Amino acid sequence: MERISTIYLKLAVLALLSSLTVACSSSKAYSIQKEPTIEQIIAESDQICLRKTLFVFSSRPCISIKGEKDNSSGIVQYYLRYEIGSFDVDLPLGTSIQLGETWYTLKKSSTNYSETITVVSLLTPEVLTNLTNANHIEISYTNRAKTENFVLSGSQKERLKEDFVRIQRLLESEKKMIILKK
């Protein structure tokens, strides 16, 4: 009887661990998504979750990098995706990023209201250049009621930089789609 209890306890712990791990991962991470109808190619990084649950497990809010390549012009734009952990009843105002000593208010390009709220903000060329060289990165999210700031750890900071470079290389290596319109 004690052995059965131990097995059930181990299974419960494994289920909890896998559910917490899956909460901040994406099946679309680092893959090209072609959208011929709107003539663009998209690539997204995996999420970097900014909070820890039980001091070990990552939890929301999470950030990720998204790149969009216009099929006709070849222009690529990059975005910071900030996914809020729970439904936020206050109106999201936007995100900012501190790179080194300088704060950049990011232009909000969209807000997605689905299972959770995701604020998508444009990363300008100036921000991207400074991101790759930043020794300090802090993310700030503001809604009508409050502002939350998150200083990225050394590993989170390096991963964000690597994610940008990886998404950049993915989109640069992708050939132009051939789209026949009738």
N, C-alpha and C. Protein backbone atom coordinates (compact mmCIF):
# COMPACT_ATOMS: atom_id res chain seq x y z
N MET A 1 0.82 -1.20 0.00
CA MET A 1 0.00 0.00 0.00
C MET A 1 0.86 1.27 0.00
N GLU A 2 1.94 1.22 0.79
CA GLU A 2 2.83 2.38 0.85
C GLU A 2 3.53 2.61 -0.49
N ARG A 3 3.86 1.51 -1.16
CA ARG A 3 4.52 1.61 -2.46
C ARG A 3 3.59 2.26 -3.49
N ILE A 4 2.30 1.91 -3.46
CA ILE A 4 1.33 2.49 -4.39
C ILE A 4 1.20 3.99 -4.12
N SER A 5 1.19 4.38 -2.85
CA SER A 5 1.11 5.81 -2.51
C SER A 5 2.33 6.56 -3.03
N THR A 6 3.50 5.94 -2.93
CA THR A 6 4.73 6.57 -3.42
C THR A 6 4.68 6.73 -4.93
N ILE A 7 4.19 5.75 -5.64
CA ILE A 7 4.07 5.83 -7.09
C ILE A 7 3.12 6.94 -7.50
N TYR A 8 1.95 7.03 -6.83
CA TYR A 8 0.99 8.09 -7.13
C TYR A 8 1.57 9.47 -6.83
N LEU A 9 2.33 9.57 -5.76
CA LEU A 9 2.95 10.84 -5.41
C LEU A 9 3.96 11.25 -6.48
N LYS A 10 4.77 10.30 -6.96
CA LYS A 10 5.74 10.58 -8.01
C LYS A 10 5.04 11.01 -9.31
N LEU A 11 3.94 10.32 -9.64
CA LEU A 11 3.19 10.69 -10.85
C LEU A 11 2.59 12.09 -10.72
N ALA A 12 2.09 12.42 -9.54
CA ALA A 12 1.51 13.74 -9.32
C ALA A 12 2.57 14.83 -9.46
N VAL A 13 3.76 14.58 -8.91
CA VAL A 13 4.86 15.54 -9.02
C VAL A 13 5.28 15.71 -10.48
N LEU A 14 5.39 14.60 -11.23
CA LEU A 14 5.74 14.67 -12.65
C LEU A 14 4.70 15.45 -13.44
N ALA A 15 3.42 15.23 -13.15
CA ALA A 15 2.36 15.95 -13.84
C ALA A 15 2.44 17.45 -13.54
N LEU A 16 2.70 17.80 -12.30
CA LEU A 16 2.83 19.20 -11.92
C LEU A 16 4.03 19.84 -12.62
N LEU A 17 5.15 19.15 -12.63
CA LEU A 17 6.35 19.68 -13.29
C LEU A 17 6.13 19.89 -14.78
N SER A 18 5.50 18.92 -15.43
CA SER A 18 5.29 19.06 -16.87
C SER A 18 4.30 20.16 -17.19
N SER A 19 3.28 20.35 -16.36
CA SER A 19 2.32 21.42 -16.63
C SER A 19 2.95 22.78 -16.44
N LEU A 20 3.83 22.93 -15.46
CA LEU A 20 4.50 24.21 -15.26
C LEU A 20 5.50 24.49 -16.36
N THR A 21 6.16 23.47 -16.85
CA THR A 21 7.14 23.64 -17.92
C THR A 21 6.45 24.00 -19.22
N VAL A 22 5.33 23.36 -19.52
CA VAL A 22 4.60 23.60 -20.76
C VAL A 22 3.99 25.00 -20.78
N ALA A 23 3.72 25.58 -19.61
CA ALA A 23 3.09 26.88 -19.55
C ALA A 23 3.89 27.96 -20.26
N CYS A 24 5.19 27.78 -20.38
CA CYS A 24 6.01 28.81 -21.01
C CYS A 24 6.78 28.25 -22.20
N SER A 25 6.17 27.40 -22.97
CA SER A 25 6.82 26.94 -24.19
C SER A 25 5.83 27.01 -25.33
N SER A 26 6.36 27.07 -26.52
CA SER A 26 5.51 27.22 -27.69
C SER A 26 5.91 26.20 -28.75
N SER A 27 4.92 25.59 -29.37
CA SER A 27 5.21 24.62 -30.43
C SER A 27 5.67 25.31 -31.71
N LYS A 28 5.39 26.63 -31.83
CA LYS A 28 5.77 27.36 -33.03
C LYS A 28 7.15 28.01 -32.91
N ALA A 29 7.81 27.80 -31.78
CA ALA A 29 9.08 28.49 -31.54
C ALA A 29 10.14 28.08 -32.56
N TYR A 30 10.82 29.08 -33.08
CA TYR A 30 11.96 28.93 -33.99
C TYR A 30 11.60 28.21 -35.29
N SER A 31 10.37 28.33 -35.71
CA SER A 31 10.00 27.76 -37.01
C SER A 31 9.37 28.86 -37.86
N ILE A 32 9.52 28.69 -39.15
CA ILE A 32 8.96 29.65 -40.10
C ILE A 32 7.48 29.35 -40.31
N GLN A 33 6.68 30.41 -40.26
CA GLN A 33 5.25 30.30 -40.53
C GLN A 33 4.97 31.18 -41.75
N LYS A 34 4.57 30.55 -42.82
CA LYS A 34 4.28 31.31 -44.05
C LYS A 34 2.80 31.69 -44.05
N GLU A 35 2.55 32.95 -44.34
CA GLU A 35 1.19 33.46 -44.42
C GLU A 35 0.99 34.12 -45.78
N PRO A 36 0.76 33.30 -46.83
CA PRO A 36 0.67 33.85 -48.18
C PRO A 36 -0.51 34.80 -48.39
N THR A 37 -1.58 34.63 -47.65
CA THR A 37 -2.75 35.49 -47.82
C THR A 37 -2.41 36.94 -47.51
N ILE A 38 -1.62 37.15 -46.49
CA ILE A 38 -1.23 38.53 -46.13
C ILE A 38 0.23 38.81 -46.51
N GLU A 39 0.80 37.93 -47.32
CA GLU A 39 2.12 38.08 -47.90
C GLU A 39 3.21 38.40 -46.88
N GLN A 40 3.29 37.53 -45.88
CA GLN A 40 4.36 37.68 -44.91
C GLN A 40 4.83 36.34 -44.38
N ILE A 41 6.03 36.37 -43.85
CA ILE A 41 6.65 35.20 -43.23
C ILE A 41 6.95 35.58 -41.79
N ILE A 42 6.59 34.70 -40.85
CA ILE A 42 6.74 34.99 -39.43
C ILE A 42 7.62 33.94 -38.77
N ALA A 43 8.40 34.38 -37.78
CA ALA A 43 9.14 33.47 -36.91
C ALA A 43 9.07 34.03 -35.50
N GLU A 44 8.90 33.14 -34.53
CA GLU A 44 8.81 33.53 -33.13
C GLU A 44 9.78 32.73 -32.30
N SER A 45 10.29 33.35 -31.24
CA SER A 45 11.16 32.63 -30.32
C SER A 45 10.32 31.95 -29.25
N ASP A 46 10.96 31.13 -28.48
CA ASP A 46 10.31 30.54 -27.32
C ASP A 46 10.18 31.63 -26.26
N GLN A 47 9.32 31.41 -25.30
CA GLN A 47 9.08 32.42 -24.27
C GLN A 47 10.15 32.37 -23.18
N ILE A 48 10.42 33.53 -22.63
CA ILE A 48 11.27 33.67 -21.45
C ILE A 48 10.34 34.17 -20.35
N CYS A 49 10.07 33.32 -19.37
CA CYS A 49 9.15 33.71 -18.30
C CYS A 49 9.90 34.48 -17.23
N LEU A 50 9.27 35.53 -16.73
CA LEU A 50 9.95 36.50 -15.87
C LEU A 50 9.77 36.26 -14.38
N ARG A 51 8.88 35.37 -14.00
CA ARG A 51 8.66 35.07 -12.58
C ARG A 51 9.01 33.62 -12.30
N LYS A 52 9.28 33.35 -11.05
CA LYS A 52 9.53 31.97 -10.60
C LYS A 52 8.43 31.58 -9.62
N THR A 53 7.91 30.36 -9.77
CA THR A 53 6.95 29.79 -8.84
C THR A 53 7.69 28.75 -8.02
N LEU A 54 7.51 28.78 -6.73
CA LEU A 54 8.22 27.87 -5.82
C LEU A 54 9.73 28.00 -5.98
N PHE A 55 10.20 29.19 -6.36
CA PHE A 55 11.61 29.53 -6.51
C PHE A 55 12.33 28.76 -7.62
N VAL A 56 11.64 27.91 -8.35
CA VAL A 56 12.30 27.08 -9.36
C VAL A 56 11.60 27.17 -10.71
N PHE A 57 10.30 27.05 -10.73
CA PHE A 57 9.54 26.92 -11.95
C PHE A 57 9.19 28.29 -12.53
N SER A 58 9.34 28.41 -13.84
CA SER A 58 9.03 29.67 -14.52
C SER A 58 7.52 29.85 -14.64
N SER A 59 7.08 31.11 -14.53
CA SER A 59 5.66 31.39 -14.74
C SER A 59 5.51 32.77 -15.38
N ARG A 60 4.32 33.07 -15.84
CA ARG A 60 4.06 34.32 -16.53
C ARG A 60 4.13 35.49 -15.56
N PRO A 61 4.41 36.66 -16.07
CA PRO A 61 4.44 37.08 -17.47
C PRO A 61 5.67 36.55 -18.20
N CYS A 62 5.53 36.41 -19.52
CA CYS A 62 6.62 35.91 -20.35
C CYS A 62 6.84 36.88 -21.52
N ILE A 63 8.07 36.88 -22.00
CA ILE A 63 8.40 37.69 -23.17
C ILE A 63 8.96 36.79 -24.26
N SER A 64 8.84 37.25 -25.49
CA SER A 64 9.45 36.54 -26.62
C SER A 64 9.68 37.54 -27.74
N ILE A 65 10.47 37.11 -28.71
CA ILE A 65 10.76 37.93 -29.89
C ILE A 65 9.97 37.36 -31.07
N LYS A 66 9.38 38.25 -31.84
CA LYS A 66 8.65 37.86 -33.05
C LYS A 66 9.20 38.68 -34.21
N GLY A 67 9.43 38.02 -35.33
CA GLY A 67 9.87 38.70 -36.54
C GLY A 67 8.87 38.49 -37.66
N GLU A 68 8.63 39.54 -38.44
CA GLU A 68 7.74 39.46 -39.60
C GLU A 68 8.47 39.99 -40.82
N LYS A 69 8.51 39.18 -41.86
CA LYS A 69 9.16 39.57 -43.12
C LYS A 69 8.09 39.79 -44.17
N ASP A 70 8.06 40.98 -44.74
CA ASP A 70 7.12 41.30 -45.81
C ASP A 70 7.60 40.59 -47.07
N ASN A 71 6.76 39.78 -47.66
CA ASN A 71 7.15 38.97 -48.81
C ASN A 71 7.47 39.82 -50.04
N SER A 72 6.75 40.90 -50.26
CA SER A 72 6.98 41.68 -51.48
C SER A 72 8.20 42.60 -51.37
N SER A 73 8.42 43.22 -50.21
CA SER A 73 9.54 44.16 -50.08
C SER A 73 10.78 43.55 -49.43
N GLY A 74 10.60 42.47 -48.68
CA GLY A 74 11.72 41.86 -47.96
C GLY A 74 12.05 42.56 -46.65
N ILE A 75 11.29 43.58 -46.29
CA ILE A 75 11.53 44.31 -45.03
C ILE A 75 11.12 43.44 -43.85
N VAL A 76 11.99 43.42 -42.84
CA VAL A 76 11.73 42.62 -41.63
C VAL A 76 11.53 43.57 -40.46
N GLN A 77 10.49 43.32 -39.68
CA GLN A 77 10.25 44.07 -38.44
C GLN A 77 10.24 43.09 -37.29
N TYR A 78 10.74 43.56 -36.15
CA TYR A 78 10.82 42.71 -34.96
C TYR A 78 9.97 43.30 -33.85
N TYR A 79 9.42 42.41 -33.04
CA TYR A 79 8.50 42.80 -31.98
C TYR A 79 8.85 42.10 -30.69
N LEU A 80 8.55 42.77 -29.57
CA LEU A 80 8.62 42.16 -28.26
C LEU A 80 7.20 41.76 -27.89
N ARG A 81 7.00 40.48 -27.61
CA ARG A 81 5.69 40.00 -27.17
C ARG A 81 5.73 39.86 -25.65
N TYR A 82 4.80 40.50 -24.96
CA TYR A 82 4.71 40.45 -23.50
C TYR A 82 3.39 39.77 -23.16
N GLU A 83 3.45 38.56 -22.66
CA GLU A 83 2.24 37.81 -22.36
C GLU A 83 1.96 37.84 -20.86
N ILE A 84 0.80 38.35 -20.51
CA ILE A 84 0.40 38.50 -19.12
C ILE A 84 -0.16 37.16 -18.63
N GLY A 85 0.10 36.83 -17.38
CA GLY A 85 -0.28 35.53 -16.84
C GLY A 85 -1.75 35.32 -16.61
N SER A 86 -2.47 36.33 -16.22
CA SER A 86 -3.89 36.17 -15.96
C SER A 86 -4.63 37.28 -16.68
N PHE A 87 -5.93 37.14 -16.72
CA PHE A 87 -6.70 38.17 -17.40
C PHE A 87 -6.60 39.45 -16.60
N ASP A 88 -6.08 40.48 -17.20
CA ASP A 88 -5.86 41.77 -16.56
C ASP A 88 -7.08 42.64 -16.82
N VAL A 89 -7.74 43.05 -15.76
CA VAL A 89 -8.97 43.83 -15.93
C VAL A 89 -8.68 45.28 -16.28
N ASP A 90 -7.45 45.73 -16.06
CA ASP A 90 -7.10 47.11 -16.39
C ASP A 90 -6.55 47.19 -17.81
N LEU A 91 -6.83 48.29 -18.47
CA LEU A 91 -6.41 48.51 -19.85
C LEU A 91 -4.89 48.53 -19.96
N PRO A 92 -4.29 47.63 -20.79
CA PRO A 92 -2.83 47.66 -20.96
C PRO A 92 -2.42 48.91 -21.73
N LEU A 93 -1.43 49.63 -21.18
CA LEU A 93 -0.96 50.83 -21.84
C LEU A 93 0.27 50.56 -22.70
N GLY A 94 1.13 49.62 -22.28
CA GLY A 94 2.28 49.31 -23.11
C GLY A 94 3.46 48.78 -22.33
N THR A 95 4.57 48.62 -23.07
CA THR A 95 5.80 48.10 -22.48
C THR A 95 6.95 49.04 -22.79
N SER A 96 7.95 48.97 -21.94
CA SER A 96 9.20 49.71 -22.14
C SER A 96 10.33 48.74 -21.86
N ILE A 97 11.51 49.08 -22.37
CA ILE A 97 12.69 48.25 -22.14
C ILE A 97 13.85 49.16 -21.78
N GLN A 98 14.58 48.78 -20.74
CA GLN A 98 15.79 49.51 -20.38
C GLN A 98 16.98 48.70 -20.86
N LEU A 99 17.81 49.33 -21.67
CA LEU A 99 19.02 48.70 -22.19
C LEU A 99 20.20 49.53 -21.69
N GLY A 100 20.98 48.95 -20.79
CA GLY A 100 22.02 49.73 -20.14
C GLY A 100 21.36 50.75 -19.23
N GLU A 101 21.64 52.02 -19.43
CA GLU A 101 21.07 53.09 -18.62
C GLU A 101 19.89 53.78 -19.29
N THR A 102 19.57 53.41 -20.53
CA THR A 102 18.56 54.12 -21.31
C THR A 102 17.25 53.34 -21.38
N TRP A 103 16.16 54.04 -21.11
CA TRP A 103 14.81 53.46 -21.25
C TRP A 103 14.26 53.80 -22.63
N TYR A 104 13.60 52.82 -23.25
CA TYR A 104 12.93 53.01 -24.54
C TYR A 104 11.46 52.64 -24.35
N THR A 105 10.57 53.58 -24.65
CA THR A 105 9.14 53.28 -24.64
C THR A 105 8.82 52.66 -25.98
N LEU A 106 8.32 51.45 -25.96
CA LEU A 106 8.07 50.72 -27.21
C LEU A 106 6.67 51.04 -27.73
N LYS A 107 6.58 51.22 -29.04
CA LYS A 107 5.29 51.52 -29.68
C LYS A 107 4.47 50.23 -29.74
N LYS A 108 3.31 50.28 -29.11
CA LYS A 108 2.43 49.11 -29.10
C LYS A 108 1.83 48.92 -30.48
N SER A 109 2.00 47.72 -31.05
CA SER A 109 1.44 47.47 -32.38
C SER A 109 0.12 46.71 -32.30
N SER A 110 -0.06 45.91 -31.25
CA SER A 110 -1.33 45.20 -31.09
C SER A 110 -1.46 44.67 -29.67
N THR A 111 -2.69 44.38 -29.32
CA THR A 111 -2.99 43.71 -28.06
C THR A 111 -3.94 42.57 -28.39
N ASN A 112 -3.55 41.35 -28.00
CA ASN A 112 -4.34 40.16 -28.29
C ASN A 112 -5.05 39.73 -27.01
N TYR A 113 -6.38 39.69 -27.05
CA TYR A 113 -7.18 39.26 -25.91
C TYR A 113 -7.70 37.86 -26.21
N SER A 114 -7.02 36.84 -25.71
CA SER A 114 -7.49 35.47 -25.90
C SER A 114 -7.46 34.80 -24.52
N GLU A 115 -6.78 33.68 -24.38
CA GLU A 115 -6.66 33.03 -23.07
C GLU A 115 -5.99 33.96 -22.07
N THR A 116 -4.98 34.66 -22.52
CA THR A 116 -4.32 35.68 -21.72
C THR A 116 -4.13 36.90 -22.62
N ILE A 117 -3.75 38.01 -22.04
CA ILE A 117 -3.52 39.21 -22.83
C ILE A 117 -2.06 39.22 -23.27
N THR A 118 -1.84 39.49 -24.55
CA THR A 118 -0.49 39.63 -25.08
C THR A 118 -0.36 41.02 -25.71
N VAL A 119 0.61 41.78 -25.22
CA VAL A 119 0.90 43.10 -25.77
C VAL A 119 2.10 42.94 -26.69
N VAL A 120 1.94 43.35 -27.95
CA VAL A 120 3.00 43.23 -28.94
C VAL A 120 3.50 44.63 -29.27
N SER A 121 4.82 44.83 -29.10
CA SER A 121 5.40 46.16 -29.28
C SER A 121 6.55 46.10 -30.28
N LEU A 122 6.63 47.13 -31.12
CA LEU A 122 7.65 47.23 -32.15
C LEU A 122 9.03 47.47 -31.54
N LEU A 123 10.03 46.73 -32.02
CA LEU A 123 11.42 46.95 -31.64
C LEU A 123 12.09 47.69 -32.80
N THR A 124 12.44 48.95 -32.60
CA THR A 124 13.05 49.75 -33.66
C THR A 124 14.49 49.30 -33.89
N PRO A 125 15.08 49.67 -35.04
CA PRO A 125 16.49 49.33 -35.29
C PRO A 125 17.42 49.83 -34.19
N GLU A 126 17.16 51.02 -33.64
CA GLU A 126 17.99 51.55 -32.55
C GLU A 126 17.92 50.66 -31.32
N VAL A 127 16.72 50.21 -30.98
CA VAL A 127 16.55 49.32 -29.82
C VAL A 127 17.26 47.99 -30.07
N LEU A 128 17.11 47.45 -31.28
CA LEU A 128 17.74 46.16 -31.60
C LEU A 128 19.26 46.24 -31.53
N THR A 129 19.83 47.33 -32.03
CA THR A 129 21.28 47.51 -31.97
C THR A 129 21.74 47.55 -30.52
N ASN A 130 21.03 48.31 -29.69
CA ASN A 130 21.40 48.43 -28.29
C ASN A 130 21.10 47.16 -27.50
N LEU A 131 20.11 46.39 -27.93
CA LEU A 131 19.80 45.12 -27.26
C LEU A 131 20.98 44.16 -27.34
N THR A 132 21.57 44.06 -28.50
CA THR A 132 22.66 43.09 -28.67
C THR A 132 23.89 43.45 -27.86
N ASN A 133 24.04 44.72 -27.47
CA ASN A 133 25.21 45.17 -26.71
C ASN A 133 24.91 45.47 -25.25
N ALA A 134 23.67 45.30 -24.81
CA ALA A 134 23.27 45.73 -23.46
C ALA A 134 23.85 44.81 -22.38
N ASN A 135 24.35 45.43 -21.32
CA ASN A 135 24.82 44.66 -20.17
C ASN A 135 23.75 44.59 -19.08
N HIS A 136 22.70 45.40 -19.22
CA HIS A 136 21.58 45.40 -18.28
C HIS A 136 20.29 45.51 -19.09
N ILE A 137 19.35 44.61 -18.83
CA ILE A 137 18.05 44.66 -19.52
C ILE A 137 16.95 44.57 -18.49
N GLU A 138 16.02 45.51 -18.58
CA GLU A 138 14.85 45.52 -17.69
C GLU A 138 13.61 45.72 -18.55
N ILE A 139 12.56 44.96 -18.26
CA ILE A 139 11.29 45.05 -18.99
C ILE A 139 10.27 45.69 -18.06
N SER A 140 9.49 46.62 -18.59
CA SER A 140 8.46 47.30 -17.81
C SER A 140 7.12 47.18 -18.54
N TYR A 141 6.09 46.79 -17.80
CA TYR A 141 4.73 46.70 -18.33
C TYR A 141 3.85 47.64 -17.52
N THR A 142 3.04 48.42 -18.21
CA THR A 142 2.16 49.37 -17.53
C THR A 142 0.73 49.19 -18.00
N ASN A 143 -0.19 49.14 -17.03
CA ASN A 143 -1.61 49.23 -17.33
C ASN A 143 -2.14 50.45 -16.58
N ARG A 144 -3.45 50.67 -16.62
CA ARG A 144 -3.99 51.87 -15.98
C ARG A 144 -3.78 51.90 -14.47
N ALA A 145 -3.62 50.74 -13.85
CA ALA A 145 -3.54 50.68 -12.39
C ALA A 145 -2.11 50.63 -11.85
N LYS A 146 -1.18 50.02 -12.59
CA LYS A 146 0.16 49.83 -12.02
C LYS A 146 1.20 49.61 -13.11
N THR A 147 2.45 49.64 -12.67
CA THR A 147 3.59 49.32 -13.52
C THR A 147 4.37 48.21 -12.86
N GLU A 148 4.76 47.20 -13.64
CA GLU A 148 5.59 46.11 -13.14
C GLU A 148 6.92 46.13 -13.89
N ASN A 149 8.02 46.05 -13.15
CA ASN A 149 9.35 46.04 -13.74
C ASN A 149 10.04 44.71 -13.42
N PHE A 150 10.73 44.17 -14.42
CA PHE A 150 11.44 42.91 -14.26
C PHE A 150 12.86 43.07 -14.80
N VAL A 151 13.85 42.91 -13.92
CA VAL A 151 15.25 42.92 -14.34
C VAL A 151 15.57 41.51 -14.81
N LEU A 152 16.09 41.39 -16.02
CA LEU A 152 16.43 40.07 -16.54
C LEU A 152 17.71 39.57 -15.90
N SER A 153 17.71 38.29 -15.53
CA SER A 153 18.91 37.66 -14.98
C SER A 153 19.93 37.51 -16.10
N GLY A 154 21.13 37.14 -15.74
CA GLY A 154 22.18 36.95 -16.75
C GLY A 154 21.79 35.95 -17.82
N SER A 155 21.19 34.83 -17.42
CA SER A 155 20.80 33.81 -18.40
C SER A 155 19.62 34.28 -19.25
N GLN A 156 18.65 34.99 -18.65
CA GLN A 156 17.52 35.52 -19.40
C GLN A 156 17.98 36.56 -20.42
N LYS A 157 18.90 37.41 -20.00
CA LYS A 157 19.44 38.45 -20.87
C LYS A 157 20.15 37.84 -22.07
N GLU A 158 21.00 36.85 -21.83
CA GLU A 158 21.71 36.20 -22.93
C GLU A 158 20.75 35.47 -23.86
N ARG A 159 19.74 34.83 -23.27
CA ARG A 159 18.78 34.11 -24.09
C ARG A 159 17.97 35.05 -24.97
N LEU A 160 17.60 36.23 -24.45
CA LEU A 160 16.86 37.21 -25.25
C LEU A 160 17.71 37.67 -26.43
N LYS A 161 18.97 37.92 -26.20
CA LYS A 161 19.88 38.33 -27.28
C LYS A 161 20.02 37.20 -28.31
N GLU A 162 20.21 35.97 -27.83
CA GLU A 162 20.34 34.82 -28.73
C GLU A 162 19.06 34.59 -29.52
N ASP A 163 17.91 34.77 -28.87
CA ASP A 163 16.62 34.60 -29.56
C ASP A 163 16.49 35.59 -30.71
N PHE A 164 16.86 36.84 -30.48
CA PHE A 164 16.79 37.83 -31.55
C PHE A 164 17.68 37.42 -32.73
N VAL A 165 18.92 37.04 -32.44
CA VAL A 165 19.85 36.65 -33.51
C VAL A 165 19.32 35.43 -34.26
N ARG A 166 18.77 34.47 -33.52
CA ARG A 166 18.24 33.26 -34.16
C ARG A 166 17.05 33.56 -35.07
N ILE A 167 16.13 34.41 -34.60
CA ILE A 167 14.96 34.79 -35.41
C ILE A 167 15.43 35.59 -36.62
N GLN A 168 16.40 36.47 -36.42
CA GLN A 168 16.94 37.27 -37.52
C GLN A 168 17.53 36.37 -38.60
N ARG A 169 18.31 35.38 -38.22
CA ARG A 169 18.91 34.46 -39.19
C ARG A 169 17.86 33.61 -39.89
N LEU A 170 16.87 33.17 -39.15
CA LEU A 170 15.79 32.37 -39.76
C LEU A 170 15.10 33.15 -40.87
N LEU A 171 14.74 34.39 -40.58
CA LEU A 171 14.01 35.19 -41.57
C LEU A 171 14.89 35.62 -42.73
N GLU A 172 16.16 35.93 -42.47
CA GLU A 172 17.06 36.31 -43.55
C GLU A 172 17.32 35.16 -44.51
N SER A 173 17.33 33.94 -44.00
CA SER A 173 17.62 32.79 -44.86
C SER A 173 16.40 32.29 -45.62
N GLU A 174 15.23 32.78 -45.28
CA GLU A 174 14.00 32.32 -45.92
C GLU A 174 13.82 32.99 -47.28
N LYS A 175 13.58 32.17 -48.29
CA LYS A 175 13.38 32.68 -49.65
C LYS A 175 11.99 33.30 -49.77
N LYS A 176 11.89 34.18 -50.74
CA LYS A 176 10.62 34.84 -51.04
C LYS A 176 9.61 33.80 -51.52
N MET A 177 8.39 33.90 -51.03
CA MET A 177 7.32 32.99 -51.46
C MET A 177 6.87 33.37 -52.86
N ILE A 178 6.51 32.38 -53.64
CA ILE A 178 5.91 32.62 -54.95
C ILE A 178 4.41 32.48 -54.75
N ILE A 179 3.71 33.59 -54.94
CA ILE A 179 2.28 33.63 -54.69
C ILE A 179 1.57 33.98 -56.00
N LEU A 180 0.71 33.08 -56.45
CA LEU A 180 -0.08 33.33 -57.65
C LEU A 180 -1.44 33.85 -57.24
N LYS A 181 -1.81 35.01 -57.75
CA LYS A 181 -3.12 35.61 -57.44
C LYS A 181 -4.00 35.51 -58.66
N LYS A 182 -5.21 35.10 -58.42
CA LYS A 182 -6.16 34.95 -59.53
C LYS A 182 -7.34 35.84 -59.34
